[in-house]
Amino acid sequence: MVYWSFPIIGSIFYRDESDSSLEGLLLTIMIIGISIGFVLAWLKMRIGEIILITGGTILSIFAYITAGRCKWLAISVSGVPFLVSGILFLISHYLDRTLKHDTK
């Protein structure tokens, strides 16, 4: 999330209208949506998990389609961290429910 905040903040301060693209806009929307999902994962685990896993998958596909030669590198730095975070939240939620059920 911090990794993607630099390009987004930089694009706010550096406004070159000739460099605007649909790709940049879609990327910004996806990153903001996934960031909201990350915050929601702490508050409402189930909703946050779904947003992180779905967003990470979509961002991985987007990175694969838009990357040049290094498609797997683009996927590994773009979508995979969010996908792994969502899966870890899912495992944590499952273990939390299982442990609470076993202690009762």
Protein backbone atom coordinates (compact mmCIF):
# COMPACT_ATOMS: atom_id res chain seq x y z
CA MET A 1 0.00 0.00 0.00
CA VAL A 2 2.84 2.38 0.85
CA TYR A 3 4.60 1.38 -2.37
CA TRP A 4 1.68 2.59 -4.49
CA SER A 5 1.08 5.76 -2.48
CA PHE A 6 4.19 7.44 -3.92
CA PRO A 7 3.07 7.33 -7.58
CA ILE A 8 -0.48 8.35 -6.66
CA ILE A 9 0.64 11.32 -4.55
CA GLY A 10 3.21 12.24 -7.18
CA SER A 11 0.57 12.29 -9.89
CA ILE A 12 -1.52 14.69 -7.78
CA PHE A 13 1.27 17.27 -7.60
CA TYR A 14 2.62 16.71 -11.11
CA ARG A 15 -0.23 17.38 -13.48
CA ASP A 16 0.84 16.90 -17.08
CA GLU A 17 -2.36 16.68 -19.06
CA SER A 18 -0.62 15.11 -22.06
CA ASP A 19 0.51 12.21 -19.87
CA SER A 20 -2.95 11.37 -18.46
CA SER A 21 -4.15 7.93 -19.36
CA LEU A 22 -6.97 5.56 -18.68
CA GLU A 23 -4.43 3.04 -17.40
CA GLY A 24 -3.23 5.42 -14.67
CA LEU A 25 -6.78 6.27 -13.66
CA LEU A 26 -7.78 2.60 -13.41
CA LEU A 27 -4.66 1.83 -11.39
CA THR A 28 -5.38 4.68 -8.98
CA ILE A 29 -8.98 3.54 -8.51
CA MET A 30 -7.89 -0.05 -7.89
CA ILE A 31 -5.24 0.94 -5.35
CA ILE A 32 -7.63 3.22 -3.46
CA GLY A 33 -10.26 0.45 -3.43
CA ILE A 34 -7.79 -2.13 -2.16
CA SER A 35 -6.54 0.31 0.48
CA ILE A 36 -10.11 0.73 1.70
CA GLY A 37 -10.41 -3.06 1.74
CA PHE A 38 -7.26 -3.28 3.85
CA VAL A 39 -8.74 -0.92 6.44
CA LEU A 40 -12.05 -2.79 6.35
CA ALA A 41 -10.20 -6.06 6.95
CA TRP A 42 -9.29 -4.80 10.40
CA LEU A 43 -12.84 -3.68 11.16
CA LYS A 44 -15.04 -6.18 9.32
CA MET A 45 -12.85 -9.15 8.49
CA ARG A 46 -15.10 -10.92 6.00
CA ILE A 47 -15.75 -7.88 3.79
CA GLY A 48 -12.08 -6.84 3.90
CA GLU A 49 -10.93 -10.34 2.98
CA ILE A 50 -13.18 -10.43 -0.06
CA ILE A 51 -12.06 -6.98 -1.21
CA LEU A 52 -8.36 -7.79 -0.73
CA ILE A 53 -8.48 -11.16 -2.49
CA THR A 54 -10.64 -9.88 -5.35
CA GLY A 55 -8.67 -6.66 -5.68
CA GLY A 56 -5.33 -8.49 -5.57
CA THR A 57 -6.50 -10.86 -8.30
CA ILE A 58 -7.78 -8.01 -10.48
CA LEU A 59 -4.61 -6.00 -9.93
CA SER A 60 -2.48 -9.04 -10.85
CA ILE A 61 -4.43 -9.49 -14.08
CA PHE A 62 -4.16 -5.76 -14.80
CA ALA A 63 -0.38 -5.86 -14.18
CA TYR A 64 0.01 -8.88 -16.47
CA ILE A 65 -1.92 -7.21 -19.29
CA THR A 66 -0.25 -3.80 -19.06
CA ALA A 67 3.33 -4.86 -18.26
CA GLY A 68 5.95 -4.94 -20.95
CA ARG A 69 8.58 -7.67 -20.81
CA CYS A 70 8.67 -8.36 -17.06
CA LYS A 71 5.10 -9.52 -16.57
CA TRP A 72 5.83 -11.78 -13.57
CA LEU A 73 7.79 -9.04 -11.82
CA ALA A 74 4.88 -6.63 -12.33
CA ILE A 75 2.47 -9.18 -10.89
CA SER A 76 4.71 -9.93 -7.91
CA VAL A 77 5.03 -6.27 -6.88
CA SER A 78 1.50 -5.19 -7.77
CA GLY A 79 -1.18 -7.74 -7.04
CA VAL A 80 0.48 -10.54 -5.10
CA PRO A 81 1.08 -8.56 -1.86
CA PHE A 82 -2.62 -7.71 -1.64
CA LEU A 83 -3.60 -11.25 -2.55
CA VAL A 84 -1.32 -12.69 0.15
CA SER A 85 -2.67 -10.19 2.70
CA GLY A 86 -6.23 -11.20 1.90
CA ILE A 87 -5.41 -14.90 2.18
CA LEU A 88 -3.65 -14.33 5.52
CA PHE A 89 -6.69 -12.42 6.82
CA LEU A 90 -8.88 -15.31 5.62
CA ILE A 91 -6.72 -17.86 7.47
CA SER A 92 -6.71 -15.67 10.58
CA HIS A 93 -10.49 -15.34 10.47
CA TYR A 94 -10.90 -19.09 10.05
CA LEU A 95 -8.51 -19.88 12.92
CA ASP A 96 -10.16 -17.27 15.13
CA ARG A 97 -13.60 -18.80 14.55
CA THR A 98 -12.28 -22.33 15.04
CA LEU A 99 -10.50 -21.50 18.30
CA LYS A 100 -13.52 -19.63 19.68
CA HIS A 101 -15.73 -22.60 18.79
CA ASP A 102 -13.35 -25.09 20.46
CA THR A 103 -13.15 -23.17 23.72
CA LYS A 104 -16.91 -23.07 24.26
